[in-house]
């Protein structure tokens, strides 16, 4: 089958490590040029290690080793000016953007009545508002070329409630609302919009969340006892395989849908 992704351009947020990095490398392996956007510095909240400049640089080298171009941009999805600069640099380098993977996000535990307002705001601003801020800069490019794919990285928490994660769940349910609404608005321009919903993923976030709880990732997985299949989590490469499918013409009639990668958790 012809590789319909070759020479397309993907804008990926939260690209330095974890799911974003895996998706960037998978797309690069298919000949997609990459715009890797990441805050690439520590934040006081949620308090675990985020992506770094070093990881962005190594991602660029790994993408280029796959014979594609990779533009890296350090910025915060909460800052429209950071996004504008990155999108303008991308269009100067590549002409347009074909694929948006809205992946940047944080997670942290907290009881609803104990959450400080600033933690609620940070969760919603990064996970939900950030996806909108990025999309509204890229959508006009896709509309102009009458094609595009947007994939919003939600979570199983975007399809169910979760203990001590109400602010996280609210942000991820919000992404479903954006996905379905954008799919309606953008269908006339041949722009497809879908969301993905992984269970726990074997990433630095997974490790960081466990450390904040004073536990190991394995202990957290056993405590939640959620996955139906006998695995504590899925791998970033499992997520990237789903994104590759949704970004490709194999999913050309798929839009406004939610794709679950939960090892059976929601069935349980």
C-alpha atoms as a PDB file:
ATOM      1  CA  UNK A   1       0.000   0.000   0.000  1.00  0.00           C
ATOM      2  CA  UNK A   2       1.220   3.511  -0.810  1.00  0.00           C
ATOM      3  CA  UNK A   3       2.454   5.449   2.198  1.00  0.00           C
ATOM      4  CA  UNK A   4      -0.006   8.350   2.274  1.00  0.00           C
ATOM      5  CA  UNK A   5       1.807  10.015   5.190  1.00  0.00           C
ATOM      6  CA  UNK A   6       5.136  10.586   3.454  1.00  0.00           C
ATOM      7  CA  UNK A   7       6.177  14.266   3.347  1.00  0.00           C
ATOM      8  CA  UNK A   8       3.267  15.417   5.463  1.00  0.00           C
ATOM      9  CA  UNK A   9       3.917  17.695   8.448  1.00  0.00           C
ATOM     10  CA  UNK A  10       2.860  16.940  12.031  1.00  0.00           C
ATOM     11  CA  UNK A  11       2.710  19.399  14.921  1.00  0.00           C
ATOM     12  CA  UNK A  12       3.053  17.542  18.232  1.00  0.00           C
ATOM     13  CA  UNK A  13       2.701  19.127  21.661  1.00  0.00           C
ATOM     14  CA  UNK A  14       4.383  17.605  24.686  1.00  0.00           C
ATOM     15  CA  UNK A  15       6.812  16.031  22.246  1.00  0.00           C
ATOM     16  CA  UNK A  16      10.021  15.779  24.270  1.00  0.00           C
ATOM     17  CA  UNK A  17       9.294  12.467  25.954  1.00  0.00           C
ATOM     18  CA  UNK A  18       6.588   9.909  26.683  1.00  0.00           C
ATOM     19  CA  UNK A  19       3.675   9.504  24.295  1.00  0.00           C
ATOM     20  CA  UNK A  20       4.509  12.629  22.303  1.00  0.00           C
ATOM     21  CA  UNK A  21       8.022  11.448  21.582  1.00  0.00           C
ATOM     22  CA  UNK A  22       6.867   7.959  20.591  1.00  0.00           C
ATOM     23  CA  UNK A  23       4.326   9.439  18.174  1.00  0.00           C
ATOM     24  CA  UNK A  24       6.910  11.821  16.707  1.00  0.00           C
ATOM     25  CA  UNK A  25       9.328   8.966  16.032  1.00  0.00           C
ATOM     26  CA  UNK A  26       6.611   6.710  14.604  1.00  0.00           C
ATOM     27  CA  UNK A  27       5.426   9.437  12.223  1.00  0.00           C
ATOM     28  CA  UNK A  28       9.003  10.267  11.277  1.00  0.00           C
ATOM     29  CA  UNK A  29       9.476   6.606  10.417  1.00  0.00           C
ATOM     30  CA  UNK A  30       6.640   7.011   7.909  1.00  0.00           C
ATOM     31  CA  UNK A  31       8.318  10.014   6.299  1.00  0.00           C
ATOM     32  CA  UNK A  32       6.403  12.722   8.177  1.00  0.00           C
ATOM     33  CA  UNK A  33       8.259  15.953   8.980  1.00  0.00           C
ATOM     34  CA  UNK A  34       7.916  16.890  12.641  1.00  0.00           C
ATOM     35  CA  UNK A  35       7.302  20.082  14.573  1.00  0.00           C
ATOM     36  CA  UNK A  36       8.092  19.166  18.181  1.00  0.00           C
ATOM     37  CA  UNK A  37       6.621  21.611  20.712  1.00  0.00           C
ATOM     38  CA  UNK A  38       7.332  21.220  24.419  1.00  0.00           C
ATOM     39  CA  UNK A  39       7.628  23.403  27.507  1.00  0.00           C
ATOM     40  CA  UNK A  40      10.980  21.674  28.094  1.00  0.00           C
ATOM     41  CA  UNK A  41      11.449  22.957  31.633  1.00  0.00           C
ATOM     42  CA  UNK A  42      10.239  22.082  35.151  1.00  0.00           C
ATOM     43  CA  UNK A  43       6.925  23.304  36.569  1.00  0.00           C
ATOM     44  CA  UNK A  44       6.164  23.570  40.273  1.00  0.00           C
ATOM     45  CA  UNK A  45       2.868  21.773  39.617  1.00  0.00           C
ATOM     46  CA  UNK A  46       2.429  18.841  39.145  1.00  0.00           C
ATOM     47  CA  UNK A  47       5.956  18.440  40.493  1.00  0.00           C
ATOM     48  CA  UNK A  48       7.298  15.498  38.506  1.00  0.00           C
ATOM     49  CA  UNK A  49       9.862  15.685  35.704  1.00  0.00           C
ATOM     50  CA  UNK A  50       8.606  17.143  32.442  1.00  0.00           C
ATOM     51  CA  UNK A  51      10.358  17.207  29.084  1.00  0.00           C
ATOM     52  CA  UNK A  52      13.710  18.956  28.712  1.00  0.00           C
ATOM     53  CA  UNK A  53      15.682  20.855  26.087  1.00  0.00           C
ATOM     54  CA  UNK A  54      18.111  17.936  25.967  1.00  0.00           C
ATOM     55  CA  UNK A  55      15.270  15.562  25.106  1.00  0.00           C
ATOM     56  CA  UNK A  56      13.995  17.934  22.410  1.00  0.00           C
ATOM     57  CA  UNK A  57      17.456  18.059  20.876  1.00  0.00           C
ATOM     58  CA  UNK A  58      17.845  14.285  20.932  1.00  0.00           C
ATOM     59  CA  UNK A  59      14.369  13.887  19.414  1.00  0.00           C
ATOM     60  CA  UNK A  60      15.375  16.168  16.548  1.00  0.00           C
ATOM     61  CA  UNK A  61      18.469  14.057  15.887  1.00  0.00           C
ATOM     62  CA  UNK A  62      16.477  10.810  16.008  1.00  0.00           C
ATOM     63  CA  UNK A  63      13.899  12.171  13.575  1.00  0.00           C
ATOM     64  CA  UNK A  64      16.598  13.399  11.199  1.00  0.00           C
ATOM     65  CA  UNK A  65      18.183   9.943  11.328  1.00  0.00           C
ATOM     66  CA  UNK A  66      14.902   8.766   9.786  1.00  0.00           C
ATOM     67  CA  UNK A  67      15.506  11.125   6.854  1.00  0.00           C
ATOM     68  CA  UNK A  68      12.899  13.728   7.747  1.00  0.00           C
ATOM     69  CA  UNK A  69      13.167  17.290   8.976  1.00  0.00           C
ATOM     70  CA  UNK A  70      12.371  18.153  12.570  1.00  0.00           C
ATOM     71  CA  UNK A  71      11.757  21.644  13.891  1.00  0.00           C
ATOM     72  CA  UNK A  72      11.817  21.973  17.679  1.00  0.00           C
ATOM     73  CA  UNK A  73      10.072  24.758  19.574  1.00  0.00           C
ATOM     74  CA  UNK A  74      10.170  25.406  23.298  1.00  0.00           C
ATOM     75  CA  UNK A  75       6.937  26.898  24.587  1.00  0.00           C
ATOM     76  CA  UNK A  76       3.935  26.672  26.883  1.00  0.00           C
ATOM     77  CA  UNK A  77       0.547  25.618  25.479  1.00  0.00           C
ATOM     78  CA  UNK A  78      -1.017  28.176  27.827  1.00  0.00           C
ATOM     79  CA  UNK A  79       0.759  31.042  26.045  1.00  0.00           C
ATOM     80  CA  UNK A  80      -0.674  32.018  22.681  1.00  0.00           C
ATOM     81  CA  UNK A  81       2.475  33.947  21.809  1.00  0.00           C
ATOM     82  CA  UNK A  82       4.603  30.810  22.198  1.00  0.00           C
ATOM     83  CA  UNK A  83       2.200  28.891  19.961  1.00  0.00           C
ATOM     84  CA  UNK A  84       2.055  31.654  17.353  1.00  0.00           C
ATOM     85  CA  UNK A  85       5.838  31.740  17.052  1.00  0.00           C
ATOM     86  CA  UNK A  86       6.043  27.970  16.691  1.00  0.00           C
ATOM     87  CA  UNK A  87       3.299  27.800  14.061  1.00  0.00           C
ATOM     88  CA  UNK A  88       4.827  30.664  12.085  1.00  0.00           C
ATOM     89  CA  UNK A  89       8.231  28.957  12.206  1.00  0.00           C
ATOM     90  CA  UNK A  90       6.598  25.723  11.041  1.00  0.00           C
ATOM     91  CA  UNK A  91       4.859  27.359   8.092  1.00  0.00           C
ATOM     92  CA  UNK A  92       8.072  29.160   7.141  1.00  0.00           C
ATOM     93  CA  UNK A  93       9.920  25.835   7.188  1.00  0.00           C
ATOM     94  CA  UNK A  94       7.288  23.496   5.732  1.00  0.00           C
ATOM     95  CA  UNK A  95       4.545  25.624   4.179  1.00  0.00           C
ATOM     96  CA  UNK A  96       1.691  24.115   6.166  1.00  0.00           C
ATOM     97  CA  UNK A  97       0.702  21.608   8.858  1.00  0.00           C
ATOM     98  CA  UNK A  98      -1.241  18.450   8.016  1.00  0.00           C
ATOM     99  CA  UNK A  99      -1.503  16.662  11.368  1.00  0.00           C
ATOM    100  CA  UNK A 100      -1.988  18.012  14.894  1.00  0.00           C
ATOM    101  CA  UNK A 101      -1.452  15.719  17.856  1.00  0.00           C
ATOM    102  CA  UNK A 102      -2.699  17.616  20.919  1.00  0.00           C
ATOM    103  CA  UNK A 103      -0.762  15.656  23.492  1.00  0.00           C
ATOM    104  CA  UNK A 104       0.597  18.105  26.075  1.00  0.00           C
ATOM    105  CA  UNK A 105      -0.909  17.408  29.462  1.00  0.00           C
ATOM    106  CA  UNK A 106      -0.347  16.936  33.163  1.00  0.00           C
ATOM    107  CA  UNK A 107      -1.905  14.736  35.820  1.00  0.00           C
ATOM    108  CA  UNK A 108      -1.959  14.944  39.613  1.00  0.00           C
ATOM    109  CA  UNK A 109      -4.038  13.619  42.465  1.00  0.00           C
ATOM    110  CA  UNK A 110      -6.199  15.711  44.768  1.00  0.00           C
ATOM    111  CA  UNK A 111      -9.508  15.454  46.599  1.00  0.00           C
ATOM    112  CA  UNK A 112     -12.123  17.780  45.143  1.00  0.00           C
ATOM    113  CA  UNK A 113     -12.650  19.743  48.361  1.00  0.00           C
ATOM    114  CA  UNK A 114      -8.924  20.111  48.989  1.00  0.00           C
ATOM    115  CA  UNK A 115      -7.768  21.214  45.529  1.00  0.00           C
ATOM    116  CA  UNK A 116      -6.239  24.702  45.539  1.00  0.00           C
ATOM    117  CA  UNK A 117      -7.708  26.922  42.843  1.00  0.00           C
ATOM    118  CA  UNK A 118      -4.312  27.314  41.181  1.00  0.00           C
ATOM    119  CA  UNK A 119      -4.024  23.536  40.747  1.00  0.00           C
ATOM    120  CA  UNK A 120      -7.489  23.343  39.192  1.00  0.00           C
ATOM    121  CA  UNK A 121      -6.582  26.201  36.850  1.00  0.00           C
ATOM    122  CA  UNK A 122      -3.251  24.662  35.847  1.00  0.00           C
ATOM    123  CA  UNK A 123      -4.895  21.318  35.018  1.00  0.00           C
ATOM    124  CA  UNK A 124      -7.666  22.834  32.901  1.00  0.00           C
ATOM    125  CA  UNK A 125      -5.416  25.428  31.263  1.00  0.00           C
ATOM    126  CA  UNK A 126      -2.778  22.944  30.146  1.00  0.00           C
ATOM    127  CA  UNK A 127      -4.933  19.934  29.286  1.00  0.00           C
ATOM    128  CA  UNK A 128      -7.995  21.635  27.802  1.00  0.00           C
ATOM    129  CA  UNK A 129      -7.455  25.310  27.031  1.00  0.00           C
ATOM    130  CA  UNK A 130      -3.995  24.531  25.686  1.00  0.00           C
ATOM    131  CA  UNK A 131      -5.442  22.130  23.118  1.00  0.00           C
ATOM    132  CA  UNK A 132      -7.819  24.857  21.941  1.00  0.00           C
ATOM    133  CA  UNK A 133      -5.118  27.529  21.803  1.00  0.00           C
ATOM    134  CA  UNK A 134      -2.910  25.320  19.631  1.00  0.00           C
ATOM    135  CA  UNK A 135      -5.744  24.154  17.385  1.00  0.00           C
ATOM    136  CA  UNK A 136      -7.064  27.630  16.654  1.00  0.00           C
ATOM    137  CA  UNK A 137      -3.648  28.600  15.258  1.00  0.00           C
ATOM    138  CA  UNK A 138      -3.406  25.494  13.060  1.00  0.00           C
ATOM    139  CA  UNK A 139      -6.990  24.991  11.898  1.00  0.00           C
ATOM    140  CA  UNK A 140      -6.922  27.962   9.461  1.00  0.00           C
ATOM    141  CA  UNK A 141      -3.947  26.343   7.691  1.00  0.00           C
ATOM    142  CA  UNK A 142      -5.872  23.101   7.343  1.00  0.00           C
ATOM    143  CA  UNK A 143      -8.986  24.919   6.156  1.00  0.00           C
ATOM    144  CA  UNK A 144      -6.975  26.708   3.474  1.00  0.00           C
ATOM    145  CA  UNK A 145      -5.690  23.407   2.078  1.00  0.00           C
ATOM    146  CA  UNK A 146      -9.044  21.652   2.568  1.00  0.00           C
ATOM    147  CA  UNK A 147      -7.525  18.776   4.525  1.00  0.00           C
ATOM    148  CA  UNK A 148      -6.090  17.884   7.896  1.00  0.00           C
ATOM    149  CA  UNK A 149      -6.207  15.563  10.881  1.00  0.00           C
ATOM    150  CA  UNK A 150      -6.473  16.532  14.537  1.00  0.00           C
ATOM    151  CA  UNK A 151      -5.994  13.906  17.242  1.00  0.00           C
ATOM    152  CA  UNK A 152      -6.662  14.919  20.845  1.00  0.00           C
ATOM    153  CA  UNK A 153      -4.998  12.784  23.493  1.00  0.00           C
ATOM    154  CA  UNK A 154      -7.628  12.327  26.174  1.00  0.00           C
ATOM    155  CA  UNK A 155      -7.632   9.387  28.604  1.00  0.00           C
ATOM    156  CA  UNK A 156      -9.860   6.730  30.050  1.00  0.00           C
ATOM    157  CA  UNK A 157     -10.574   9.560  32.498  1.00  0.00           C
ATOM    158  CA  UNK A 158     -12.312  11.281  29.605  1.00  0.00           C
ATOM    159  CA  UNK A 159     -14.914   8.503  29.579  1.00  0.00           C
ATOM    160  CA  UNK A 160     -15.426   7.786  33.292  1.00  0.00           C
ATOM    161  CA  UNK A 161     -14.992   9.334  36.731  1.00  0.00           C
ATOM    162  CA  UNK A 162     -11.806   8.700  38.691  1.00  0.00           C
ATOM    163  CA  UNK A 163     -11.063   8.902  42.406  1.00  0.00           C
ATOM    164  CA  UNK A 164      -8.959  11.936  43.438  1.00  0.00           C
ATOM    165  CA  UNK A 165      -8.708  13.015  39.803  1.00  0.00           C
ATOM    166  CA  UNK A 166     -11.807  15.168  39.291  1.00  0.00           C
ATOM    167  CA  UNK A 167      -9.872  18.101  37.804  1.00  0.00           C
ATOM    168  CA  UNK A 168      -7.981  15.744  35.488  1.00  0.00           C
ATOM    169  CA  UNK A 169     -11.180  13.961  34.447  1.00  0.00           C
ATOM    170  CA  UNK A 170     -12.912  17.283  33.823  1.00  0.00           C
ATOM    171  CA  UNK A 171     -10.116  18.352  31.486  1.00  0.00           C
ATOM    172  CA  UNK A 172     -10.156  15.049  29.616  1.00  0.00           C
ATOM    173  CA  UNK A 173     -13.963  14.972  29.274  1.00  0.00           C
ATOM    174  CA  UNK A 174     -13.643  18.501  27.911  1.00  0.00           C
ATOM    175  CA  UNK A 175     -11.383  17.212  25.149  1.00  0.00           C
ATOM    176  CA  UNK A 176     -14.178  14.877  24.046  1.00  0.00           C
ATOM    177  CA  UNK A 177     -16.507  17.850  23.744  1.00  0.00           C
ATOM    178  CA  UNK A 178     -13.929  19.720  21.684  1.00  0.00           C
ATOM    179  CA  UNK A 179     -13.365  16.668  19.493  1.00  0.00           C
ATOM    180  CA  UNK A 180     -17.012  16.154  18.649  1.00  0.00           C
ATOM    181  CA  UNK A 181     -17.720  19.859  18.129  1.00  0.00           C
ATOM    182  CA  UNK A 182     -14.652  20.439  15.964  1.00  0.00           C
ATOM    183  CA  UNK A 183     -15.524  17.363  13.896  1.00  0.00           C
ATOM    184  CA  UNK A 184     -18.880  18.973  13.068  1.00  0.00           C
ATOM    185  CA  UNK A 185     -17.421  22.392  12.315  1.00  0.00           C
ATOM    186  CA  UNK A 186     -14.494  21.159  10.244  1.00  0.00           C
ATOM    187  CA  UNK A 187     -16.017  18.301   8.225  1.00  0.00           C
ATOM    188  CA  UNK A 188     -16.885  20.682   5.338  1.00  0.00           C
ATOM    189  CA  UNK A 189     -13.162  21.336   4.996  1.00  0.00           C
ATOM    190  CA  UNK A 190     -12.237  17.643   4.955  1.00  0.00           C
ATOM    191  CA  UNK A 191     -10.605  17.956   8.372  1.00  0.00           C
ATOM    192  CA  UNK A 192     -11.028  14.925  10.609  1.00  0.00           C
ATOM    193  CA  UNK A 193     -10.972  15.140  14.415  1.00  0.00           C
ATOM    194  CA  UNK A 194     -10.787  12.214  16.827  1.00  0.00           C
ATOM    195  CA  UNK A 195      -9.730  11.564  20.409  1.00  0.00           C
ATOM    196  CA  UNK A 196      -7.765   8.687  21.898  1.00  0.00           C
ATOM    197  CA  UNK A 197      -8.231   7.276  25.397  1.00  0.00           C
ATOM    198  CA  UNK A 198      -5.323   5.287  26.828  1.00  0.00           C
ATOM    199  CA  UNK A 199      -5.183   3.597  30.186  1.00  0.00           C
ATOM    200  CA  UNK A 200      -1.944   4.113  32.132  1.00  0.00           C
ATOM    201  CA  UNK A 201       1.045   4.390  29.802  1.00  0.00           C
ATOM    202  CA  UNK A 202       4.655   3.482  30.584  1.00  0.00           C
ATOM    203  CA  UNK A 203       6.051   7.029  30.485  1.00  0.00           C
ATOM    204  CA  UNK A 204       7.942   9.426  32.767  1.00  0.00           C
ATOM    205  CA  UNK A 205       4.539  10.812  33.838  1.00  0.00           C
ATOM    206  CA  UNK A 206       3.572   7.337  35.029  1.00  0.00           C
ATOM    207  CA  UNK A 207       6.768   7.162  37.078  1.00  0.00           C
ATOM    208  CA  UNK A 208       6.402  10.716  38.367  1.00  0.00           C
ATOM    209  CA  UNK A 209       2.829  10.273  39.544  1.00  0.00           C
ATOM    210  CA  UNK A 210       3.788   7.122  41.438  1.00  0.00           C
ATOM    211  CA  UNK A 211       6.723   8.891  43.092  1.00  0.00           C
ATOM    212  CA  UNK A 212       4.442  11.704  44.273  1.00  0.00           C
ATOM    213  CA  UNK A 213       2.314   9.020  45.926  1.00  0.00           C
ATOM    214  CA  UNK A 214       5.360   7.426  47.556  1.00  0.00           C
ATOM    215  CA  UNK A 215       4.877   4.251  45.542  1.00  0.00           C
ATOM    216  CA  UNK A 216       6.163   2.455  42.473  1.00  0.00           C
ATOM    217  CA  UNK A 217       4.222   2.462  39.183  1.00  0.00           C
ATOM    218  CA  UNK A 218       3.582  -1.264  39.684  1.00  0.00           C
ATOM    219  CA  UNK A 219       2.070  -0.628  43.124  1.00  0.00           C
ATOM    220  CA  UNK A 220      -0.194   2.092  41.731  1.00  0.00           C
ATOM    221  CA  UNK A 221      -1.330  -0.250  38.938  1.00  0.00           C
ATOM    222  CA  UNK A 222      -2.043  -3.046  41.416  1.00  0.00           C
ATOM    223  CA  UNK A 223      -3.921  -0.643  43.695  1.00  0.00           C
ATOM    224  CA  UNK A 224      -6.220   0.466  40.886  1.00  0.00           C
ATOM    225  CA  UNK A 225      -6.651  -3.115  39.586  1.00  0.00           C
ATOM    226  CA  UNK A 226      -8.356  -1.788  36.509  1.00  0.00           C
ATOM    227  CA  UNK A 227      -7.003  -3.391  33.340  1.00  0.00           C
ATOM    228  CA  UNK A 228      -8.845  -6.489  32.183  1.00  0.00           C
ATOM    229  CA  UNK A 229      -5.842  -7.833  30.291  1.00  0.00           C
ATOM    230  CA  UNK A 230      -2.987  -8.920  32.581  1.00  0.00           C
ATOM    231  CA  UNK A 231      -0.779  -5.869  32.031  1.00  0.00           C
ATOM    232  CA  UNK A 232      -0.207  -2.948  34.411  1.00  0.00           C
ATOM    233  CA  UNK A 233      -0.075  -0.407  31.578  1.00  0.00           C
ATOM    234  CA  UNK A 234       0.382  -0.040  27.845  1.00  0.00           C
ATOM    235  CA  UNK A 235       3.488   1.210  26.044  1.00  0.00           C
ATOM    236  CA  UNK A 236       3.964   4.543  24.230  1.00  0.00           C
ATOM    237  CA  UNK A 237       4.392   2.565  21.022  1.00  0.00           C
ATOM    238  CA  UNK A 238       0.849   1.224  21.431  1.00  0.00           C
ATOM    239  CA  UNK A 239      -0.383   4.817  21.475  1.00  0.00           C
ATOM    240  CA  UNK A 240       1.709   5.750  18.444  1.00  0.00           C
ATOM    241  CA  UNK A 241       0.270   2.828  16.459  1.00  0.00           C
ATOM    242  CA  UNK A 242      -3.243   4.167  17.068  1.00  0.00           C
ATOM    243  CA  UNK A 243      -2.205   7.703  16.091  1.00  0.00           C
ATOM    244  CA  UNK A 244      -0.579   6.430  12.893  1.00  0.00           C
ATOM    245  CA  UNK A 245      -3.834   4.764  11.894  1.00  0.00           C
ATOM    246  CA  UNK A 246      -5.974   7.809  12.643  1.00  0.00           C
ATOM    247  CA  UNK A 247      -3.574  10.134  10.825  1.00  0.00           C
ATOM    248  CA  UNK A 248      -3.540   7.981   7.708  1.00  0.00           C
ATOM    249  CA  UNK A 249      -5.971   7.582   4.830  1.00  0.00           C
ATOM    250  CA  UNK A 250      -6.891   4.188   6.285  1.00  0.00           C
ATOM    251  CA  UNK A 251      -9.091   6.229   8.629  1.00  0.00           C
ATOM    252  CA  UNK A 252     -10.278   8.641   5.934  1.00  0.00           C
ATOM    253  CA  UNK A 253     -13.931   8.344   6.957  1.00  0.00           C
ATOM    254  CA  UNK A 254     -13.316   8.346  10.702  1.00  0.00           C
ATOM    255  CA  UNK A 255     -14.136  11.576  12.524  1.00  0.00           C
ATOM    256  CA  UNK A 256     -15.767  12.703  15.759  1.00  0.00           C
ATOM    257  CA  UNK A 257     -14.972   9.372  17.403  1.00  0.00           C
ATOM    258  CA  UNK A 258     -13.301   8.153  20.581  1.00  0.00           C
ATOM    259  CA  UNK A 259     -10.688   5.410  20.325  1.00  0.00           C
ATOM    260  CA  UNK A 260     -10.053   3.422  23.496  1.00  0.00           C
ATOM    261  CA  UNK A 261      -6.698   1.808  24.292  1.00  0.00           C
ATOM    262  CA  UNK A 262      -7.453   0.614  27.812  1.00  0.00           C
ATOM    263  CA  UNK A 263      -6.469  -3.075  28.039  1.00  0.00           C
ATOM    264  CA  UNK A 264     -10.118  -3.705  28.879  1.00  0.00           C
ATOM    265  CA  UNK A 265     -10.367  -1.307  31.840  1.00  0.00           C
ATOM    266  CA  UNK A 266     -13.657   0.289  30.811  1.00  0.00           C
ATOM    267  CA  UNK A 267     -15.200  -3.144  30.260  1.00  0.00           C
ATOM    268  CA  UNK A 268     -14.364  -4.067  33.850  1.00  0.00           C
END
